[in-house]
PDB file of N, CA and C in Angstrom:
ATOM      1  N   MET A   1     119.878 128.489 100.089  1.00  0.00           N
ATOM      2  CA  MET A   1     118.632 127.856  99.714  1.00  0.00           C
ATOM      3  C   MET A   1     117.924 127.367 100.983  1.00  0.00           C
ATOM      4  N   THR A   2     116.667 127.655 101.096  1.00  0.00           N
ATOM      5  CA  THR A   2     115.880 127.284 102.258  1.00  0.00           C
ATOM      6  C   THR A   2     115.407 125.844 102.141  1.00  0.00           C
ATOM      7  N   SER A   3     115.545 125.070 103.219  1.00  0.00           N
ATOM      8  CA  SER A   3     115.048 123.699 103.194  1.00  0.00           C
ATOM      9  C   SER A   3     113.538 123.714 103.346  1.00  0.00           C
ATOM     10  N   THR A   4     112.916 122.742 102.751  1.00  0.00           N
ATOM     11  CA  THR A   4     111.470 122.676 102.699  1.00  0.00           C
ATOM     12  C   THR A   4     110.992 121.317 103.168  1.00  0.00           C
ATOM     13  N   LYS A   5     109.863 121.323 103.846  1.00  0.00           N
ATOM     14  CA  LYS A   5     109.190 120.080 104.197  1.00  0.00           C
ATOM     15  C   LYS A   5     108.079 119.885 103.178  1.00  0.00           C
ATOM     16  N   ALA A   6     108.040 118.737 102.546  1.00  0.00           N
ATOM     17  CA  ALA A   6     107.008 118.411 101.570  1.00  0.00           C
ATOM     18  C   ALA A   6     105.936 117.556 102.231  1.00  0.00           C
ATOM     19  N   VAL A   7     104.757 117.541 101.617  1.00  0.00           N
ATOM     20  CA  VAL A   7     103.619 116.819 102.177  1.00  0.00           C
ATOM     21  C   VAL A   7     103.095 115.815 101.150  1.00  0.00           C
ATOM     22  N   LEU A   8     102.912 114.587 101.595  1.00  0.00           N
ATOM     23  CA  LEU A   8     102.350 113.510 100.790  1.00  0.00           C
ATOM     24  C   LEU A   8     100.989 113.145 101.354  1.00  0.00           C
ATOM     25  N   SER A   9      99.998 112.972 100.492  1.00  0.00           N
ATOM     26  CA  SER A   9      98.673 112.524 100.932  1.00  0.00           C
ATOM     27  C   SER A   9      97.971 111.854  99.757  1.00  0.00           C
ATOM     28  N   SER A  10      96.795 111.339 100.015  1.00  0.00           N
ATOM     29  CA  SER A  10      96.006 110.714  98.957  1.00  0.00           C
ATOM     30  C   SER A  10      94.527 110.954  99.218  1.00  0.00           C
ATOM     31  N   SER A  11      93.777 110.878  98.135  1.00  0.00           N
ATOM     32  CA  SER A  11      92.322 110.986  98.209  1.00  0.00           C
ATOM     33  C   SER A  11      91.753 110.191  97.045  1.00  0.00           C
ATOM     34  N   GLY A  12      90.976 109.166  97.374  1.00  0.00           N
ATOM     35  CA  GLY A  12      90.456 108.312  96.307  1.00  0.00           C
ATOM     36  C   GLY A  12      91.608 107.643  95.584  1.00  0.00           C
ATOM     37  N   ASP A  13      91.614 107.747  94.255  1.00  0.00           N
ATOM     38  CA  ASP A  13      92.680 107.116  93.480  1.00  0.00           C
ATOM     39  C   ASP A  13      93.756 108.111  93.044  1.00  0.00           C
ATOM     40  N   MET A  14      93.906 109.202  93.806  1.00  0.00           N
ATOM     41  CA  MET A  14      94.909 110.218  93.480  1.00  0.00           C
ATOM     42  C   MET A  14      95.855 110.437  94.670  1.00  0.00           C
ATOM     43  N   THR A  15      97.130 110.558  94.360  1.00  0.00           N
ATOM     44  CA  THR A  15      98.142 110.923  95.347  1.00  0.00           C
ATOM     45  C   THR A  15      98.525 112.369  95.099  1.00  0.00           C
ATOM     46  N   SER A  16      98.755 113.121  96.182  1.00  0.00           N
ATOM     47  CA  SER A  16      99.209 114.509  96.093  1.00  0.00           C
ATOM     48  C   SER A  16     100.560 114.633  96.776  1.00  0.00           C
ATOM     49  N   PHE A  17     101.427 115.405  96.139  1.00  0.00           N
ATOM     50  CA  PHE A  17     102.732 115.720  96.714  1.00  0.00           C
ATOM     51  C   PHE A  17     102.890 117.226  96.622  1.00  0.00           C
ATOM     52  N   SER A  18     103.006 117.887  97.767  1.00  0.00           N
ATOM     53  CA  SER A  18     103.073 119.349  97.813  1.00  0.00           C
ATOM     54  C   SER A  18     104.394 119.802  98.391  1.00  0.00           C
ATOM     55  N   SER A  19     104.963 120.803  97.740  1.00  0.00           N
ATOM     56  CA  SER A  19     106.182 121.428  98.230  1.00  0.00           C
ATOM     57  C   SER A  19     106.179 122.879  97.771  1.00  0.00           C
ATOM     58  N   GLY A  20     106.391 123.782  98.715  1.00  0.00           N
ATOM     59  CA  GLY A  20     106.356 125.199  98.367  1.00  0.00           C
ATOM     60  C   GLY A  20     104.995 125.569  97.811  1.00  0.00           C
ATOM     61  N   SER A  21     104.973 126.229  96.675  1.00  0.00           N
ATOM     62  CA  SER A  21     103.708 126.654  96.064  1.00  0.00           C
ATOM     63  C   SER A  21     103.174 125.644  95.050  1.00  0.00           C
ATOM     64  N   HIS A  22     103.826 124.484  94.934  1.00  0.00           N
ATOM     65  CA  HIS A  22     103.427 123.496  93.930  1.00  0.00           C
ATOM     66  C   HIS A  22     102.797 122.257  94.568  1.00  0.00           C
ATOM     67  N   THR A  23     101.754 121.774  93.940  1.00  0.00           N
ATOM     68  CA  THR A  23     101.155 120.492  94.289  1.00  0.00           C
ATOM     69  C   THR A  23     101.020 119.688  93.011  1.00  0.00           C
ATOM     70  N   ILE A  24     101.591 118.498  93.013  1.00  0.00           N
ATOM     71  CA  ILE A  24     101.425 117.616  91.865  1.00  0.00           C
ATOM     72  C   ILE A  24     100.542 116.453  92.292  1.00  0.00           C
ATOM     73  N   ARG A  25      99.725 116.008  91.361  1.00  0.00           N
ATOM     74  CA  ARG A  25      98.818 114.887  91.632  1.00  0.00           C
ATOM     75  C   ARG A  25      99.030 113.823  90.562  1.00  0.00           C
ATOM     76  N   PHE A  26      98.955 112.592  90.998  1.00  0.00           N
ATOM     77  CA  PHE A  26      99.068 111.489  90.057  1.00  0.00           C
ATOM     78  C   PHE A  26      98.220 110.327  90.556  1.00  0.00           C
ATOM     79  N   ARG A  27      97.816 109.509  89.614  1.00  0.00           N
ATOM     80  CA  ARG A  27      96.894 108.411  89.904  1.00  0.00           C
ATOM     81  C   ARG A  27      97.594 107.300  90.679  1.00  0.00           C
ATOM     82  N   THR A  28      96.837 106.714  91.577  1.00  0.00           N
ATOM     83  CA  THR A  28      97.296 105.565  92.355  1.00  0.00           C
ATOM     84  C   THR A  28      96.165 104.534  92.383  1.00  0.00           C
ATOM     85  N   SER A  29      96.339 103.483  93.105  1.00  0.00           N
ATOM     86  CA  SER A  29      95.332 102.436  93.177  1.00  0.00           C
ATOM     87  C   SER A  29      94.048 102.938  93.847  1.00  0.00           C
ATOM     88  N   GLN A  30      92.931 102.504  93.321  1.00  0.00           N
ATOM     89  CA  GLN A  30      91.652 102.845  93.965  1.00  0.00           C
ATOM     90  C   GLN A  30      91.486 102.122  95.297  1.00  0.00           C
ATOM     91  N   HIS A  31      92.352 101.162  95.578  1.00  0.00           N
ATOM     92  CA  HIS A  31      92.280 100.404  96.829  1.00  0.00           C
ATOM     93  C   HIS A  31      93.120 101.019  97.948  1.00  0.00           C
ATOM     94  N   LEU A  32      93.887 102.072  97.628  1.00  0.00           N
ATOM     95  CA  LEU A  32      94.688 102.731  98.651  1.00  0.00           C
ATOM     96  C   LEU A  32      93.785 103.466  99.627  1.00  0.00           C
ATOM     97  N   ARG A  33      93.904 103.133 100.895  1.00  0.00           N
ATOM     98  CA  ARG A  33      93.159 103.860 101.938  1.00  0.00           C
ATOM     99  C   ARG A  33      93.908 105.123 102.320  1.00  0.00           C
ATOM    100  N   ARG A  34      95.212 104.936 102.621  1.00  0.00           N
ATOM    101  CA  ARG A  34      96.026 106.081 103.033  1.00  0.00           C
ATOM    102  C   ARG A  34      97.480 105.661 103.172  1.00  0.00           C
ATOM    103  N   TYR A  35      98.336 106.648 103.071  1.00  0.00           N
ATOM    104  CA  TYR A  35      99.744 106.439 103.413  1.00  0.00           C
ATOM    105  C   TYR A  35      99.848 106.553 104.926  1.00  0.00           C
ATOM    106  N   THR A  36     100.653 105.704 105.546  1.00  0.00           N
ATOM    107  CA  THR A  36     100.721 105.704 107.004  1.00  0.00           C
ATOM    108  C   THR A  36     102.063 106.174 107.562  1.00  0.00           C
ATOM    109  N   ARG A  37     103.155 106.002 106.778  1.00  0.00           N
ATOM    110  CA  ARG A  37     104.463 106.400 107.310  1.00  0.00           C
ATOM    111  C   ARG A  37     105.456 106.578 106.177  1.00  0.00           C
ATOM    112  N   VAL A  38     106.213 107.656 106.248  1.00  0.00           N
ATOM    113  CA  VAL A  38     107.336 107.845 105.329  1.00  0.00           C
ATOM    114  C   VAL A  38     108.550 107.197 105.974  1.00  0.00           C
ATOM    115  N   LYS A  39     109.123 106.237 105.275  1.00  0.00           N
ATOM    116  CA  LYS A  39     110.279 105.526 105.805  1.00  0.00           C
ATOM    117  C   LYS A  39     111.591 106.115 105.304  1.00  0.00           C
ATOM    118  N   LYS A  40     111.565 106.660 104.074  1.00  0.00           N
ATOM    119  CA  LYS A  40     112.791 107.196 103.500  1.00  0.00           C
ATOM    120  C   LYS A  40     112.465 108.211 102.418  1.00  0.00           C
ATOM    121  N   TRP A  41     113.248 109.280 102.389  1.00  0.00           N
ATOM    122  CA  TRP A  41     113.182 110.275 101.327  1.00  0.00           C
ATOM    123  C   TRP A  41     114.585 110.378 100.733  1.00  0.00           C
ATOM    124  N   ASP A  42     114.692 110.176  99.431  1.00  0.00           N
ATOM    125  CA  ASP A  42     115.993 110.239  98.781  1.00  0.00           C
ATOM    126  C   ASP A  42     115.858 110.947  97.437  1.00  0.00           C
ATOM    127  N   TYR A  43     115.814 112.275  97.493  1.00  0.00           N
ATOM    128  CA  TYR A  43     115.826 113.117  96.298  1.00  0.00           C
ATOM    129  C   TYR A  43     114.847 112.631  95.217  1.00  0.00           C
ATOM    130  N   GLY A  44     113.587 112.574  95.573  1.00  0.00           N
ATOM    131  CA  GLY A  44     112.546 112.197  94.622  1.00  0.00           C
ATOM    132  C   GLY A  44     112.061 110.766  94.749  1.00  0.00           C
ATOM    133  N   TYR A  45     112.766 109.991  95.506  1.00  0.00           N
ATOM    134  CA  TYR A  45     112.385 108.595  95.709  1.00  0.00           C
ATOM    135  C   TYR A  45     111.886 108.462  97.144  1.00  0.00           C
ATOM    136  N   ILE A  46     110.661 107.972  97.291  1.00  0.00           N
ATOM    137  CA  ILE A  46     110.041 107.883  98.614  1.00  0.00           C
ATOM    138  C   ILE A  46     109.690 106.424  98.904  1.00  0.00           C
ATOM    139  N   VAL A  47     110.055 105.975 100.095  1.00  0.00           N
ATOM    140  CA  VAL A  47     109.627 104.663 100.582  1.00  0.00           C
ATOM    141  C   VAL A  47     108.608 104.942 101.680  1.00  0.00           C
ATOM    142  N   VAL A  48     107.398 104.403 101.506  1.00  0.00           N
ATOM    143  CA  VAL A  48     106.311 104.646 102.457  1.00  0.00           C
ATOM    144  C   VAL A  48     105.627 103.336 102.821  1.00  0.00           C
ATOM    145  N   ASP A  49     104.946 103.360 103.949  1.00  0.00           N
ATOM    146  CA  ASP A  49     103.993 102.304 104.261  1.00  0.00           C
ATOM    147  C   ASP A  49     102.633 102.816 103.812  1.00  0.00           C
ATOM    148  N   ALA A  50     101.877 101.946 103.156  1.00  0.00           N
ATOM    149  CA  ALA A  50     100.567 102.316 102.655  1.00  0.00           C
ATOM    150  C   ALA A  50      99.554 101.256 103.056  1.00  0.00           C
ATOM    151  N   ASP A  51      98.364 101.709 103.412  1.00  0.00           N
ATOM    152  CA  ASP A  51      97.290 100.814 103.840  1.00  0.00           C
ATOM    153  C   ASP A  51      96.299 100.653 102.702  1.00  0.00           C
ATOM    154  N   TYR A  52      96.108  99.407 102.259  1.00  0.00           N
ATOM    155  CA  TYR A  52      95.182  99.083 101.169  1.00  0.00           C
ATOM    156  C   TYR A  52      94.011  98.280 101.713  1.00  0.00           C
ATOM    157  N   ASP A  53      92.833  98.493 101.138  1.00  0.00           N
ATOM    158  CA  ASP A  53      91.669  97.736 101.601  1.00  0.00           C
ATOM    159  C   ASP A  53      91.746  96.267 101.199  1.00  0.00           C
ATOM    160  N   THR A  54      92.582  95.930 100.226  1.00  0.00           N
ATOM    161  CA  THR A  54      92.707  94.543  99.770  1.00  0.00           C
ATOM    162  C   THR A  54      93.929  93.831 100.330  1.00  0.00           C
ATOM    163  N   LEU A  55      94.975  94.578 100.713  1.00  0.00           N
ATOM    164  CA  LEU A  55      96.240  93.973 101.130  1.00  0.00           C
ATOM    165  C   LEU A  55      96.624  94.246 102.573  1.00  0.00           C
ATOM    166  N   GLY A  56      96.014  95.252 103.174  1.00  0.00           N
ATOM    167  CA  GLY A  56      96.478  95.708 104.472  1.00  0.00           C
ATOM    168  C   GLY A  56      97.640  96.665 104.274  1.00  0.00           C
ATOM    169  N   GLU A  57      98.536  96.729 105.248  1.00  0.00           N
ATOM    170  CA  GLU A  57      99.657  97.661 105.166  1.00  0.00           C
ATOM    171  C   GLU A  57     100.856  97.010 104.484  1.00  0.00           C
ATOM    172  N   VAL A  58     101.380  97.685 103.468  1.00  0.00           N
ATOM    173  CA  VAL A  58     102.535  97.195 102.708  1.00  0.00           C
ATOM    174  C   VAL A  58     103.502  98.349 102.454  1.00  0.00           C
ATOM    175  N   GLU A  59     104.747  97.982 102.149  1.00  0.00           N
ATOM    176  CA  GLU A  59     105.740  98.987 101.786  1.00  0.00           C
ATOM    177  C   GLU A  59     105.572  99.345 100.315  1.00  0.00           C
ATOM    178  N   GLU A  60     105.590 100.632 100.019  1.00  0.00           N
ATOM    179  CA  GLU A  60     105.434 101.140  98.656  1.00  0.00           C
ATOM    180  C   GLU A  60     106.624 101.998  98.286  1.00  0.00           C
ATOM    181  N   TYR A  61     106.853 102.151  96.989  1.00  0.00           N
ATOM    182  CA  TYR A  61     107.948 102.959  96.470  1.00  0.00           C
ATOM    183  C   TYR A  61     107.379 103.945  95.457  1.00  0.00           C
ATOM    184  N   ILE A  62     107.690 105.219  95.652  1.00  0.00           N
ATOM    185  CA  ILE A  62     107.210 106.268  94.750  1.00  0.00           C
ATOM    186  C   ILE A  62     108.435 106.974  94.186  1.00  0.00           C
ATOM    187  N   ASP A  63     108.526 107.017  92.857  1.00  0.00           N
ATOM    188  CA  ASP A  63     109.612 107.728  92.191  1.00  0.00           C
ATOM    189  C   ASP A  63     109.020 108.963  91.524  1.00  0.00           C
ATOM    190  N   LEU A  64     109.289 110.122  92.093  1.00  0.00           N
ATOM    191  CA  LEU A  64     108.723 111.368  91.587  1.00  0.00           C
ATOM    192  C   LEU A  64     109.430 111.914  90.348  1.00  0.00           C
ATOM    193  N   VAL A  65     110.669 111.497  90.095  1.00  0.00           N
ATOM    194  CA  VAL A  65     111.430 112.088  88.995  1.00  0.00           C
ATOM    195  C   VAL A  65     110.717 111.935  87.651  1.00  0.00           C
ATOM    196  N   PRO A  66     110.246 110.741  87.260  1.00  0.00           N
ATOM    197  CA  PRO A  66     109.556 110.648  85.978  1.00  0.00           C
ATOM    198  C   PRO A  66     108.264 111.472  85.930  1.00  0.00           C
ATOM    199  N   VAL A  67     107.565 111.559  87.061  1.00  0.00           N
ATOM    200  CA  VAL A  67     106.335 112.362  87.125  1.00  0.00           C
ATOM    201  C   VAL A  67     106.667 113.833  86.889  1.00  0.00           C
ATOM    202  N   LEU A  68     107.693 114.316  87.568  1.00  0.00           N
ATOM    203  CA  LEU A  68     108.096 115.714  87.415  1.00  0.00           C
ATOM    204  C   LEU A  68     108.564 116.010  85.992  1.00  0.00           C
ATOM    205  N   LYS A  69     109.324 115.103  85.405  1.00  0.00           N
ATOM    206  CA  LYS A  69     109.789 115.295  84.023  1.00  0.00           C
ATOM    207  C   LYS A  69     108.619 115.350  83.054  1.00  0.00           C
ATOM    208  N   ASN A  70     107.622 114.484  83.252  1.00  0.00           N
ATOM    209  CA  ASN A  70     106.444 114.487  82.378  1.00  0.00           C
ATOM    210  C   ASN A  70     105.651 115.779  82.497  1.00  0.00           C
ATOM    211  N   LEU A  71     105.764 116.447  83.644  1.00  0.00           N
ATOM    212  CA  LEU A  71     105.070 117.722  83.860  1.00  0.00           C
ATOM    213  C   LEU A  71     105.965 118.923  83.541  1.00  0.00           C
ATOM    214  N   TYR A  72     107.122 118.655  82.949  1.00  0.00           N
ATOM    215  CA  TYR A  72     108.081 119.690  82.527  1.00  0.00           C
ATOM    216  C   TYR A  72     108.599 120.542  83.687  1.00  0.00           C
ATOM    217  N   PHE A  73     108.748 119.926  84.860  1.00  0.00           N
ATOM    218  CA  PHE A  73     109.364 120.606  85.991  1.00  0.00           C
ATOM    219  C   PHE A  73     110.880 120.540  85.834  1.00  0.00           C
ATOM    220  N   ASP A  74     111.564 121.524  86.363  1.00  0.00           N
ATOM    221  CA  ASP A  74     113.005 121.450  86.529  1.00  0.00           C
ATOM    222  C   ASP A  74     113.214 120.592  87.778  1.00  0.00           C
ATOM    223  N   VAL A  75     113.579 119.353  87.570  1.00  0.00           N
ATOM    224  CA  VAL A  75     113.646 118.369  88.659  1.00  0.00           C
ATOM    225  C   VAL A  75     114.593 118.830  89.765  1.00  0.00           C
ATOM    226  N   ASP A  76     115.783 119.281  89.410  1.00  0.00           N
ATOM    227  CA  ASP A  76     116.745 119.708  90.427  1.00  0.00           C
ATOM    228  C   ASP A  76     116.236 120.901  91.222  1.00  0.00           C
ATOM    229  N   GLN A  77     115.651 121.864  90.540  1.00  0.00           N
ATOM    230  CA  GLN A  77     115.143 123.059  91.220  1.00  0.00           C
ATOM    231  C   GLN A  77     114.008 122.694  92.181  1.00  0.00           C
ATOM    232  N   PHE A  78     113.131 121.783  91.781  1.00  0.00           N
ATOM    233  CA  PHE A  78     111.999 121.395  92.618  1.00  0.00           C
ATOM    234  C   PHE A  78     112.436 120.547  93.817  1.00  0.00           C
ATOM    235  N   LEU A  79     113.323 119.584  93.589  1.00  0.00           N
ATOM    236  CA  LEU A  79     113.662 118.615  94.635  1.00  0.00           C
ATOM    237  C   LEU A  79     114.760 119.065  95.589  1.00  0.00           C
ATOM    238  N   SER A  80     115.696 119.869  95.139  1.00  0.00           N
ATOM    239  CA  SER A  80     116.854 120.177  95.972  1.00  0.00           C
ATOM    240  C   SER A  80     116.526 120.819  97.323  1.00  0.00           C
ATOM    241  N   PRO A  81     115.510 121.671  97.457  1.00  0.00           N
ATOM    242  CA  PRO A  81     115.243 122.237  98.788  1.00  0.00           C
ATOM    243  C   PRO A  81     114.549 121.277  99.758  1.00  0.00           C
ATOM    244  N   ILE A  82     114.004 120.172  99.269  1.00  0.00           N
ATOM    245  CA  ILE A  82     113.209 119.281 100.116  1.00  0.00           C
ATOM    246  C   ILE A  82     114.129 118.418 100.972  1.00  0.00           C
ATOM    247  N   GLN A  83     114.000 118.574 102.269  1.00  0.00           N
ATOM    248  CA  GLN A  83     114.800 117.805 103.215  1.00  0.00           C
ATOM    249  C   GLN A  83     113.983 116.738 103.937  1.00  0.00           C
ATOM    250  N   GLU A  84     112.669 116.905 103.935  1.00  0.00           N
ATOM    251  CA  GLU A  84     111.808 116.004 104.712  1.00  0.00           C
ATOM    252  C   GLU A  84     110.456 115.883 104.011  1.00  0.00           C
ATOM    253  N   VAL A  85     109.860 114.706 104.094  1.00  0.00           N
ATOM    254  CA  VAL A  85     108.513 114.486 103.583  1.00  0.00           C
ATOM    255  C   VAL A  85     107.671 113.937 104.731  1.00  0.00           C
ATOM    256  N   CYS A  86     106.506 114.534 104.921  1.00  0.00           N
ATOM    257  CA  CYS A  86     105.592 114.043 105.952  1.00  0.00           C
ATOM    258  C   CYS A  86     104.254 113.713 105.296  1.00  0.00           C
ATOM    259  N   ILE A  87     103.450 112.995 106.042  1.00  0.00           N
ATOM    260  CA  ILE A  87     102.106 112.628 105.575  1.00  0.00           C
ATOM    261  C   ILE A  87     101.105 113.457 106.349  1.00  0.00           C
ATOM    262  N   GLU A  88     100.175 114.051 105.631  1.00  0.00           N
ATOM    263  CA  GLU A  88      99.117 114.830 106.278  1.00  0.00           C
ATOM    264  C   GLU A  88      97.779 114.547 105.611  1.00  0.00           C
ATOM    265  N   TYR A  89      96.785 114.348 106.443  1.00  0.00           N
ATOM    266  CA  TYR A  89      95.400 114.198 105.985  1.00  0.00           C
ATOM    267  C   TYR A  89      94.543 115.181 106.758  1.00  0.00           C
ATOM    268  N   ALA A  90      93.551 115.717 106.085  1.00  0.00           N
ATOM    269  CA  ALA A  90      92.658 116.693 106.728  1.00  0.00           C
ATOM    270  C   ALA A  90      91.771 116.019 107.763  1.00  0.00           C
TER     271      ALA A  90
END
């Protein structure tokens, strides 16, 4: 199985998580400016620093497993190749 680097980003009140040929989007706070750093990736659980216009930079926690299940993804098949998550903005 090939390891994959996934990409986390945001635009407006939506967060995007891309891996391979799939991109999932889910709603986030309208006050989120951007994610600034991935601190930890643990099989669907992401700890990031996020910059908010109301709070400044804070630590955030994103659990992708419930999102993937709601979208009828095979969670193990989607997550198992991901070894690293990075943040990218255009």
